[in-house]
Amino acid sequence: MSQTIKFTKMHGAGNDYIYVNTLETPIDNPEALSILWSDRHKGIGGDGLVLIGPAKHGDFSMRIFNNDGSEAMMCGNASRCIGKYLHDEGLTDKTEIKLETLSGIKVLKLHIADDGLVDTVTVDMDTPKTAVPAQLATPDGSLVEGEVTATDGKTYCGTFVSMGNPHFVIFTEGVETLDLPAVGPTLEFATLFPERCNIEFAEVRPDGDIRMRVWERGSGITMACGTGACATAVAAALTHRAGRKSRIVMDGGTLEIAWSETDHHVYMTGPATKVFDGTINIPK
């Protein structure tokens, strides 16, 4: 016997995940299933698995598992896709949704297109943190334009920003030609990062846009990273490379990031796209 699971494949700026509505179909062992299903040759293919479920303190909840089976605290691109899924599938008629994540409640504001479907979503990503001792092993848990030694002994200058999950943002030239598969893992596992780290390489363009490429903790290279885009925009503002509003251009698309001077929250706006629905069997 086997269990048949319904899923939806979605992406936000190319950051693609497999979404399962556990309100309808609960699943066990999502860590193993994320590894199995994320395989782009032998599975469904994706950057990981996202579970949509009930919430204790919000409207709905999100759990997200990277393609190595590790559980992530938050994903901005996935949260936008969840907003689209909930609205377009008729699970809510709200255009403002409180989404419960391991990084706390995130408020999604849905922008509806003329066809009645969600086009883009703005996510209140809360207040960025620049000092988190549990995520950065410096004396005060902070690092602005400071050095990190990678596992291969090379040093990199960058800025630490936590969006609930840890990010190290390195501003450099030649982002397009950077050998990210070689560099990314050596920084993800650097000893200064007790929980490992997401790594962003960014370059400010002449038009003011910021070109960014990302190595995600537990997933490797992805087409886009919502929390990474937010961290990059904050790091650019902290180091006076940009103002408090930035367009972050990634391999899969562009996100609009605004760091409010009023409430100090970061607001991320970007697309959410459904790719297809499907079913898959889990042997029992």
C-alpha atoms as a PDB file:
ATOM      1  CA  MET A   1       0.000   0.000   0.000  1.00  0.00           C
ATOM      2  CA  SER A   2       1.050   3.587  -0.546  1.00  0.00           C
ATOM      3  CA  GLN A   3      -0.150   7.035   0.454  1.00  0.00           C
ATOM      4  CA  THR A   4      -0.988   9.475  -2.343  1.00  0.00           C
ATOM      5  CA  ILE A   5       0.107  13.055  -1.617  1.00  0.00           C
ATOM      6  CA  LYS A   6      -1.145  16.105  -3.489  1.00  0.00           C
ATOM      7  CA  PHE A   7       1.450  18.821  -4.026  1.00  0.00           C
ATOM      8  CA  THR A   8       1.845  22.129  -5.820  1.00  0.00           C
ATOM      9  CA  LYS A   9       5.099  23.302  -7.379  1.00  0.00           C
ATOM     10  CA  MET A  10       5.587  27.077  -7.015  1.00  0.00           C
ATOM     11  CA  HIS A  11       8.424  29.548  -7.278  1.00  0.00           C
ATOM     12  CA  GLY A  12       9.210  33.062  -6.127  1.00  0.00           C
ATOM     13  CA  ALA A  13      11.744  34.687  -8.456  1.00  0.00           C
ATOM     14  CA  GLY A  14      12.988  31.219  -9.406  1.00  0.00           C
ATOM     15  CA  ASN A  15      13.346  29.969  -5.817  1.00  0.00           C
ATOM     16  CA  ASP A  16      11.223  26.838  -6.273  1.00  0.00           C
ATOM     17  CA  TYR A  17       9.675  24.627  -3.623  1.00  0.00           C
ATOM     18  CA  ILE A  18       7.237  21.737  -3.363  1.00  0.00           C
ATOM     19  CA  TYR A  19       4.169  22.782  -1.347  1.00  0.00           C
ATOM     20  CA  VAL A  20       1.938  20.372   0.578  1.00  0.00           C
ATOM     21  CA  ASN A  21      -1.270  21.439   2.309  1.00  0.00           C
ATOM     22  CA  THR A  22      -1.076  19.435   5.540  1.00  0.00           C
ATOM     23  CA  LEU A  23      -4.515  20.717   6.556  1.00  0.00           C
ATOM     24  CA  GLU A  24      -5.749  18.283   3.917  1.00  0.00           C
ATOM     25  CA  THR A  25      -2.960  15.700   3.800  1.00  0.00           C
ATOM     26  CA  PRO A  26      -0.698  15.341   6.861  1.00  0.00           C
ATOM     27  CA  ILE A  27       2.694  13.777   6.189  1.00  0.00           C
ATOM     28  CA  ASP A  28       5.324  12.151   8.358  1.00  0.00           C
ATOM     29  CA  ASN A  29       9.100  12.482   8.087  1.00  0.00           C
ATOM     30  CA  PRO A  30       9.264  15.662   5.967  1.00  0.00           C
ATOM     31  CA  GLU A  31      13.060  15.736   6.384  1.00  0.00           C
ATOM     32  CA  ALA A  32      13.499  12.550   4.349  1.00  0.00           C
ATOM     33  CA  LEU A  33      10.763  13.472   1.875  1.00  0.00           C
ATOM     34  CA  SER A  34      12.389  16.827   1.177  1.00  0.00           C
ATOM     35  CA  ILE A  35      15.635  15.086   0.210  1.00  0.00           C
ATOM     36  CA  LEU A  36      13.789  12.549  -1.936  1.00  0.00           C
ATOM     37  CA  TRP A  37      11.361  14.897  -3.667  1.00  0.00           C
ATOM     38  CA  SER A  38      13.803  17.783  -4.222  1.00  0.00           C
ATOM     39  CA  ASP A  39      16.030  15.657  -6.443  1.00  0.00           C
ATOM     40  CA  ARG A  40      15.780  17.248  -9.895  1.00  0.00           C
ATOM     41  CA  HIS A  41      16.562  13.976 -11.690  1.00  0.00           C
ATOM     42  CA  LYS A  42      14.789  11.354  -9.572  1.00  0.00           C
ATOM     43  CA  GLY A  43      12.124  13.376  -7.767  1.00  0.00           C
ATOM     44  CA  ILE A  44       9.800  16.313  -8.327  1.00  0.00           C
ATOM     45  CA  GLY A  45      12.666  18.790  -8.240  1.00  0.00           C
ATOM     46  CA  GLY A  46      13.026  21.881  -6.086  1.00  0.00           C
ATOM     47  CA  ASP A  47      14.991  23.788  -3.494  1.00  0.00           C
ATOM     48  CA  GLY A  48      13.061  22.026  -0.745  1.00  0.00           C
ATOM     49  CA  LEU A  49       9.684  21.142   0.767  1.00  0.00           C
ATOM     50  CA  VAL A  50       7.197  23.563   2.318  1.00  0.00           C
ATOM     51  CA  LEU A  51       4.349  22.456   4.577  1.00  0.00           C
ATOM     52  CA  ILE A  52       1.253  24.634   4.968  1.00  0.00           C
ATOM     53  CA  GLY A  53      -0.577  23.954   8.202  1.00  0.00           C
ATOM     54  CA  PRO A  54      -2.667  25.299  11.080  1.00  0.00           C
ATOM     55  CA  ALA A  55      -1.342  28.028  13.364  1.00  0.00           C
ATOM     56  CA  LYS A  56      -1.514  28.646  17.102  1.00  0.00           C
ATOM     57  CA  HIS A  57      -0.910  32.375  16.858  1.00  0.00           C
ATOM     58  CA  GLY A  58      -1.658  33.271  13.227  1.00  0.00           C
ATOM     59  CA  ASP A  59      -3.929  32.358  10.346  1.00  0.00           C
ATOM     60  CA  PHE A  60      -1.740  29.594   8.904  1.00  0.00           C
ATOM     61  CA  SER A  61       1.722  28.174   9.528  1.00  0.00           C
ATOM     62  CA  MET A  62       4.738  27.384   7.384  1.00  0.00           C
ATOM     63  CA  ARG A  63       7.442  24.776   7.895  1.00  0.00           C
ATOM     64  CA  ILE A  64      10.235  24.666   5.364  1.00  0.00           C
ATOM     65  CA  PHE A  65      12.819  21.960   4.755  1.00  0.00           C
ATOM     66  CA  ASN A  66      15.907  22.468   2.617  1.00  0.00           C
ATOM     67  CA  ASN A  67      16.888  19.938  -0.015  1.00  0.00           C
ATOM     68  CA  ASP A  68      19.409  18.417   2.413  1.00  0.00           C
ATOM     69  CA  GLY A  69      16.602  17.683   4.890  1.00  0.00           C
ATOM     70  CA  SER A  70      17.485  20.409   7.383  1.00  0.00           C
ATOM     71  CA  GLU A  71      14.656  22.636   8.614  1.00  0.00           C
ATOM     72  CA  ALA A  72      14.916  26.354   7.864  1.00  0.00           C
ATOM     73  CA  MET A  73      13.518  29.076  10.080  1.00  0.00           C
ATOM     74  CA  MET A  74      12.124  31.296   7.353  1.00  0.00           C
ATOM     75  CA  CYS A  75      11.974  31.819   3.591  1.00  0.00           C
ATOM     76  CA  GLY A  76      10.696  35.046   2.095  1.00  0.00           C
ATOM     77  CA  ASN A  77      10.077  33.619  -1.366  1.00  0.00           C
ATOM     78  CA  ALA A  78       8.182  30.647   0.057  1.00  0.00           C
ATOM     79  CA  SER A  79       6.031  32.888   2.260  1.00  0.00           C
ATOM     80  CA  ARG A  80       4.911  34.890  -0.789  1.00  0.00           C
ATOM     81  CA  CYS A  81       4.006  31.677  -2.581  1.00  0.00           C
ATOM     82  CA  ILE A  82       2.008  30.508   0.419  1.00  0.00           C
ATOM     83  CA  GLY A  83       0.022  33.740   0.295  1.00  0.00           C
ATOM     84  CA  LYS A  84      -0.822  33.091  -3.349  1.00  0.00           C
ATOM     85  CA  TYR A  85      -1.680  29.449  -2.676  1.00  0.00           C
ATOM     86  CA  LEU A  86      -4.027  30.238   0.223  1.00  0.00           C
ATOM     87  CA  HIS A  87      -5.913  32.891  -1.730  1.00  0.00           C
ATOM     88  CA  ASP A  88      -6.025  31.297  -5.165  1.00  0.00           C
ATOM     89  CA  GLU A  89      -7.031  27.887  -3.800  1.00  0.00           C
ATOM     90  CA  GLY A  90      -9.894  29.438  -1.831  1.00  0.00           C
ATOM     91  CA  LEU A  91      -8.530  28.654   1.632  1.00  0.00           C
ATOM     92  CA  THR A  92      -8.984  32.281   2.667  1.00  0.00           C
ATOM     93  CA  ASP A  93     -10.554  35.441   1.330  1.00  0.00           C
ATOM     94  CA  LYS A  94      -8.225  37.665   3.320  1.00  0.00           C
ATOM     95  CA  THR A  95      -5.746  39.890   1.535  1.00  0.00           C
ATOM     96  CA  GLU A  96      -3.703  40.281   4.723  1.00  0.00           C
ATOM     97  CA  ILE A  97      -2.568  36.997   6.269  1.00  0.00           C
ATOM     98  CA  LYS A  98      -0.640  36.300   9.465  1.00  0.00           C
ATOM     99  CA  LEU A  99       1.772  33.462   8.721  1.00  0.00           C
ATOM    100  CA  GLU A 100       3.365  31.610  11.631  1.00  0.00           C
ATOM    101  CA  THR A 101       7.011  30.636  11.038  1.00  0.00           C
ATOM    102  CA  LEU A 102       9.942  29.544  13.197  1.00  0.00           C
ATOM    103  CA  SER A 103      11.067  33.190  12.955  1.00  0.00           C
ATOM    104  CA  GLY A 104       7.758  34.461  14.300  1.00  0.00           C
ATOM    105  CA  ILE A 105       4.624  35.849  12.670  1.00  0.00           C
ATOM    106  CA  LYS A 106       5.075  37.334   9.201  1.00  0.00           C
ATOM    107  CA  VAL A 107       2.290  39.495   7.747  1.00  0.00           C
ATOM    108  CA  LEU A 108       1.558  38.928   4.055  1.00  0.00           C
ATOM    109  CA  LYS A 109      -0.200  41.609   2.013  1.00  0.00           C
ATOM    110  CA  LEU A 110      -1.594  40.138  -1.187  1.00  0.00           C
ATOM    111  CA  HIS A 111      -1.815  42.191  -4.380  1.00  0.00           C
ATOM    112  CA  ILE A 112      -4.581  40.895  -6.646  1.00  0.00           C
ATOM    113  CA  ALA A 113      -4.370  41.100 -10.447  1.00  0.00           C
ATOM    114  CA  ASP A 114      -7.281  41.790 -12.806  1.00  0.00           C
ATOM    115  CA  ASP A 115      -7.895  38.041 -13.196  1.00  0.00           C
ATOM    116  CA  GLY A 116      -8.638  37.743  -9.468  1.00  0.00           C
ATOM    117  CA  LEU A 117      -5.427  35.834  -8.721  1.00  0.00           C
ATOM    118  CA  VAL A 118      -2.515  36.959  -6.585  1.00  0.00           C
ATOM    119  CA  ASP A 119       0.221  38.604  -8.631  1.00  0.00           C
ATOM    120  CA  THR A 120       2.697  39.900  -6.060  1.00  0.00           C
ATOM    121  CA  VAL A 121       2.956  39.815  -2.282  1.00  0.00           C
ATOM    122  CA  THR A 122       4.491  42.205   0.230  1.00  0.00           C
ATOM    123  CA  VAL A 123       5.892  40.503   3.326  1.00  0.00           C
ATOM    124  CA  ASP A 124       6.618  42.272   6.594  1.00  0.00           C
ATOM    125  CA  MET A 125       9.916  40.573   7.410  1.00  0.00           C
ATOM    126  CA  ASP A 126      10.127  42.199  10.862  1.00  0.00           C
ATOM    127  CA  THR A 127      13.208  43.937  12.263  1.00  0.00           C
ATOM    128  CA  PRO A 128      16.646  42.801  11.091  1.00  0.00           C
ATOM    129  CA  LYS A 129      19.174  41.974  13.779  1.00  0.00           C
ATOM    130  CA  THR A 130      22.848  42.831  13.486  1.00  0.00           C
ATOM    131  CA  ALA A 131      23.967  41.130  16.703  1.00  0.00           C
ATOM    132  CA  VAL A 132      23.030  37.499  17.386  1.00  0.00           C
ATOM    133  CA  PRO A 133      25.685  35.661  19.435  1.00  0.00           C
ATOM    134  CA  ALA A 134      24.032  32.281  18.784  1.00  0.00           C
ATOM    135  CA  GLN A 135      24.516  32.781  15.037  1.00  0.00           C
ATOM    136  CA  LEU A 136      27.843  34.630  14.978  1.00  0.00           C
ATOM    137  CA  ALA A 137      30.749  33.727  17.270  1.00  0.00           C
ATOM    138  CA  THR A 138      32.218  37.199  17.745  1.00  0.00           C
ATOM    139  CA  PRO A 139      32.407  38.782  21.220  1.00  0.00           C
ATOM    140  CA  ASP A 140      29.106  40.657  20.764  1.00  0.00           C
ATOM    141  CA  GLY A 141      27.584  38.579  17.961  1.00  0.00           C
ATOM    142  CA  SER A 142      27.969  41.339  15.384  1.00  0.00           C
ATOM    143  CA  LEU A 143      30.184  42.063  12.389  1.00  0.00           C
ATOM    144  CA  VAL A 144      30.011  45.054  10.032  1.00  0.00           C
ATOM    145  CA  GLU A 145      32.638  45.171   7.287  1.00  0.00           C
ATOM    146  CA  GLY A 146      34.603  42.558   9.211  1.00  0.00           C
ATOM    147  CA  GLU A 147      36.589  39.489   8.251  1.00  0.00           C
ATOM    148  CA  VAL A 148      35.508  35.856   8.277  1.00  0.00           C
ATOM    149  CA  THR A 149      37.952  33.031   7.626  1.00  0.00           C
ATOM    150  CA  ALA A 150      36.503  30.278   5.435  1.00  0.00           C
ATOM    151  CA  THR A 151      37.257  26.594   5.915  1.00  0.00           C
ATOM    152  CA  ASP A 152      39.911  26.773   3.161  1.00  0.00           C
ATOM    153  CA  GLY A 153      41.804  29.472   5.072  1.00  0.00           C
ATOM    154  CA  LYS A 154      40.823  32.376   2.825  1.00  0.00           C
ATOM    155  CA  THR A 155      39.382  35.520   4.433  1.00  0.00           C
ATOM    156  CA  TYR A 156      36.392  37.533   3.247  1.00  0.00           C
ATOM    157  CA  CYS A 157      35.175  40.964   4.339  1.00  0.00           C
ATOM    158  CA  GLY A 158      31.437  41.292   4.862  1.00  0.00           C
ATOM    159  CA  THR A 159      28.520  42.211   7.084  1.00  0.00           C
ATOM    160  CA  PHE A 160      26.389  39.935   9.240  1.00  0.00           C
ATOM    161  CA  VAL A 161      22.596  40.405   9.215  1.00  0.00           C
ATOM    162  CA  SER A 162      19.999  38.083  10.722  1.00  0.00           C
ATOM    163  CA  MET A 163      16.503  37.966   9.269  1.00  0.00           C
ATOM    164  CA  GLY A 164      15.672  35.234  11.780  1.00  0.00           C
ATOM    165  CA  ASN A 165      18.161  33.126   9.836  1.00  0.00           C
ATOM    166  CA  PRO A 166      21.836  34.170   9.535  1.00  0.00           C
ATOM    167  CA  HIS A 167      23.333  35.924   6.513  1.00  0.00           C
ATOM    168  CA  PHE A 168      26.824  37.108   5.647  1.00  0.00           C
ATOM    169  CA  VAL A 169      26.826  39.708   2.860  1.00  0.00           C
ATOM    170  CA  ILE A 170      30.001  40.338   0.883  1.00  0.00           C
ATOM    171  CA  PHE A 171      30.159  43.333  -1.463  1.00  0.00           C
ATOM    172  CA  THR A 172      32.574  42.720  -4.293  1.00  0.00           C
ATOM    173  CA  GLU A 173      33.109  43.117  -8.028  1.00  0.00           C
ATOM    174  CA  GLY A 174      32.693  40.358 -10.587  1.00  0.00           C
ATOM    175  CA  VAL A 175      29.648  38.754  -8.981  1.00  0.00           C
ATOM    176  CA  GLU A 176      28.530  37.287 -12.310  1.00  0.00           C
ATOM    177  CA  THR A 177      31.761  35.329 -12.803  1.00  0.00           C
ATOM    178  CA  LEU A 178      32.306  34.295  -9.178  1.00  0.00           C
ATOM    179  CA  ASP A 179      32.847  30.541  -8.695  1.00  0.00           C
ATOM    180  CA  LEU A 180      30.021  30.253  -6.180  1.00  0.00           C
ATOM    181  CA  PRO A 181      30.004  26.419  -5.929  1.00  0.00           C
ATOM    182  CA  ALA A 182      33.640  26.548  -4.826  1.00  0.00           C
ATOM    183  CA  VAL A 183      33.380  29.495  -2.445  1.00  0.00           C
ATOM    184  CA  GLY A 184      29.910  29.056  -0.947  1.00  0.00           C
ATOM    185  CA  PRO A 185      30.440  25.893   1.117  1.00  0.00           C
ATOM    186  CA  THR A 186      33.735  27.145   2.571  1.00  0.00           C
ATOM    187  CA  LEU A 187      31.908  30.131   4.052  1.00  0.00           C
ATOM    188  CA  GLU A 188      28.682  28.342   5.018  1.00  0.00           C
ATOM    189  CA  PHE A 189      30.690  26.117   7.375  1.00  0.00           C
ATOM    190  CA  ALA A 190      33.127  28.775   8.638  1.00  0.00           C
ATOM    191  CA  THR A 191      33.849  28.434  12.352  1.00  0.00           C
ATOM    192  CA  LEU A 192      32.418  31.884  13.115  1.00  0.00           C
ATOM    193  CA  PHE A 193      28.962  30.565  12.142  1.00  0.00           C
ATOM    194  CA  PRO A 194      27.814  28.063  14.826  1.00  0.00           C
ATOM    195  CA  GLU A 195      24.552  27.378  12.954  1.00  0.00           C
ATOM    196  CA  ARG A 196      26.156  27.609   9.495  1.00  0.00           C
ATOM    197  CA  CYS A 197      25.222  30.633   7.389  1.00  0.00           C
ATOM    198  CA  ASN A 198      23.616  31.866   4.184  1.00  0.00           C
ATOM    199  CA  ILE A 199      26.188  33.637   2.013  1.00  0.00           C
ATOM    200  CA  GLU A 200      25.451  36.535  -0.336  1.00  0.00           C
ATOM    201  CA  PHE A 201      27.830  38.106  -2.837  1.00  0.00           C
ATOM    202  CA  ALA A 202      26.583  41.509  -3.993  1.00  0.00           C
ATOM    203  CA  GLU A 203      27.617  44.283  -6.349  1.00  0.00           C
ATOM    204  CA  VAL A 204      26.081  47.761  -6.589  1.00  0.00           C
ATOM    205  CA  ARG A 205      25.381  48.592 -10.211  1.00  0.00           C
ATOM    206  CA  PRO A 206      25.749  52.078 -11.748  1.00  0.00           C
ATOM    207  CA  ASP A 207      21.938  52.409 -11.889  1.00  0.00           C
ATOM    208  CA  GLY A 208      21.692  51.776  -8.139  1.00  0.00           C
ATOM    209  CA  ASP A 209      20.306  48.229  -8.409  1.00  0.00           C
ATOM    210  CA  ILE A 210      22.170  45.595  -6.419  1.00  0.00           C
ATOM    211  CA  ARG A 211      23.141  42.402  -8.227  1.00  0.00           C
ATOM    212  CA  MET A 212      23.253  39.501  -5.787  1.00  0.00           C
ATOM    213  CA  ARG A 213      24.037  35.797  -5.944  1.00  0.00           C
ATOM    214  CA  VAL A 214      23.364  33.488  -3.042  1.00  0.00           C
ATOM    215  CA  TRP A 215      24.636  30.282  -1.505  1.00  0.00           C
ATOM    216  CA  GLU A 216      21.836  29.112   0.803  1.00  0.00           C
ATOM    217  CA  ARG A 217      22.532  27.173   3.963  1.00  0.00           C
ATOM    218  CA  GLY A 218      21.350  23.625   3.383  1.00  0.00           C
ATOM    219  CA  SER A 219      20.374  24.162  -0.266  1.00  0.00           C
ATOM    220  CA  GLY A 220      23.437  25.494  -2.089  1.00  0.00           C
ATOM    221  CA  ILE A 221      22.964  27.776  -5.085  1.00  0.00           C
ATOM    222  CA  THR A 222      19.391  28.972  -5.519  1.00  0.00           C
ATOM    223  CA  MET A 223      17.902  31.313  -8.094  1.00  0.00           C
ATOM    224  CA  ALA A 224      16.764  33.713  -5.385  1.00  0.00           C
ATOM    225  CA  CYS A 225      16.585  34.111  -1.616  1.00  0.00           C
ATOM    226  CA  GLY A 226      14.025  36.419  -0.024  1.00  0.00           C
ATOM    227  CA  THR A 227      15.693  36.710   3.377  1.00  0.00           C
ATOM    228  CA  GLY A 228      19.021  37.044   1.568  1.00  0.00           C
ATOM    229  CA  ALA A 229      17.679  39.939  -0.508  1.00  0.00           C
ATOM    230  CA  CYS A 230      16.497  41.624   2.696  1.00  0.00           C
ATOM    231  CA  ALA A 231      19.850  41.053   4.402  1.00  0.00           C
ATOM    232  CA  THR A 232      21.684  42.433   1.363  1.00  0.00           C
ATOM    233  CA  ALA A 233      19.561  45.594   1.325  1.00  0.00           C
ATOM    234  CA  VAL A 234      20.132  46.117   5.059  1.00  0.00           C
ATOM    235  CA  ALA A 235      23.880  45.525   4.712  1.00  0.00           C
ATOM    236  CA  ALA A 236      24.025  48.004   1.814  1.00  0.00           C
ATOM    237  CA  ALA A 237      22.305  50.648   3.948  1.00  0.00           C
ATOM    238  CA  LEU A 238      24.481  49.930   6.996  1.00  0.00           C
ATOM    239  CA  THR A 239      27.654  50.342   4.929  1.00  0.00           C
ATOM    240  CA  HIS A 240      26.338  53.434   3.087  1.00  0.00           C
ATOM    241  CA  ARG A 241      26.320  51.755  -0.306  1.00  0.00           C
ATOM    242  CA  ALA A 242      22.601  52.407  -0.753  1.00  0.00           C
ATOM    243  CA  GLY A 243      19.626  54.064   0.901  1.00  0.00           C
ATOM    244  CA  ARG A 244      16.844  52.258   2.728  1.00  0.00           C
ATOM    245  CA  LYS A 245      15.115  51.174  -0.485  1.00  0.00           C
ATOM    246  CA  SER A 246      16.801  48.804  -2.927  1.00  0.00           C
ATOM    247  CA  ARG A 247      16.076  46.621  -5.916  1.00  0.00           C
ATOM    248  CA  ILE A 248      17.885  43.309  -5.447  1.00  0.00           C
ATOM    249  CA  VAL A 249      18.530  41.569  -8.770  1.00  0.00           C
ATOM    250  CA  MET A 250      19.069  37.810  -8.450  1.00  0.00           C
ATOM    251  CA  ASP A 251      19.460  34.992 -10.948  1.00  0.00           C
ATOM    252  CA  GLY A 252      15.719  34.287 -10.900  1.00  0.00           C
ATOM    253  CA  GLY A 253      14.272  37.780 -10.693  1.00  0.00           C
ATOM    254  CA  THR A 254      14.116  41.064  -8.804  1.00  0.00           C
ATOM    255  CA  LEU A 255      12.730  41.911  -5.367  1.00  0.00           C
ATOM    256  CA  GLU A 256      11.860  45.349  -4.000  1.00  0.00           C
ATOM    257  CA  ILE A 257      13.162  45.827  -0.463  1.00  0.00           C
ATOM    258  CA  ALA A 258      12.297  48.740   1.844  1.00  0.00           C
ATOM    259  CA  TRP A 259      13.785  49.172   5.329  1.00  0.00           C
ATOM    260  CA  SER A 260      11.320  51.441   7.109  1.00  0.00           C
ATOM    261  CA  GLU A 261      12.623  54.385   9.119  1.00  0.00           C
ATOM    262  CA  THR A 262       9.332  54.410  11.036  1.00  0.00           C
ATOM    263  CA  ASP A 263       9.030  50.910  12.497  1.00  0.00           C
ATOM    264  CA  HIS A 264      12.469  49.615  11.357  1.00  0.00           C
ATOM    265  CA  HIS A 265      10.815  46.591   9.736  1.00  0.00           C
ATOM    266  CA  VAL A 266      11.977  45.291   6.370  1.00  0.00           C
ATOM    267  CA  TYR A 267       9.274  45.000   3.705  1.00  0.00           C
ATOM    268  CA  MET A 268       9.841  42.691   0.753  1.00  0.00           C
ATOM    269  CA  THR A 269       7.697  42.810  -2.396  1.00  0.00           C
ATOM    270  CA  GLY A 270       7.938  40.327  -5.228  1.00  0.00           C
ATOM    271  CA  PRO A 271       6.177  37.821  -7.470  1.00  0.00           C
ATOM    272  CA  ALA A 272       4.698  34.431  -6.628  1.00  0.00           C
ATOM    273  CA  THR A 273       4.104  31.913  -9.404  1.00  0.00           C
ATOM    274  CA  LYS A 274       2.323  28.577  -9.548  1.00  0.00           C
ATOM    275  CA  VAL A 275       4.015  26.062 -11.846  1.00  0.00           C
ATOM    276  CA  PHE A 276       1.838  22.941 -11.634  1.00  0.00           C
ATOM    277  CA  ASP A 277      -0.167  20.608  -9.395  1.00  0.00           C
ATOM    278  CA  GLY A 278       0.617  16.929  -9.035  1.00  0.00           C
ATOM    279  CA  THR A 279       0.422  13.793  -6.938  1.00  0.00           C
ATOM    280  CA  ILE A 280       3.140  11.487  -5.689  1.00  0.00           C
ATOM    281  CA  ASN A 281       2.994   8.166  -3.857  1.00  0.00           C
ATOM    282  CA  ILE A 282       4.757   7.402  -0.584  1.00  0.00           C
ATOM    283  CA  PRO A 283       5.277   3.652  -0.084  1.00  0.00           C
ATOM    284  CA  LYS A 284       4.113   2.429   3.339  1.00  0.00           C
END
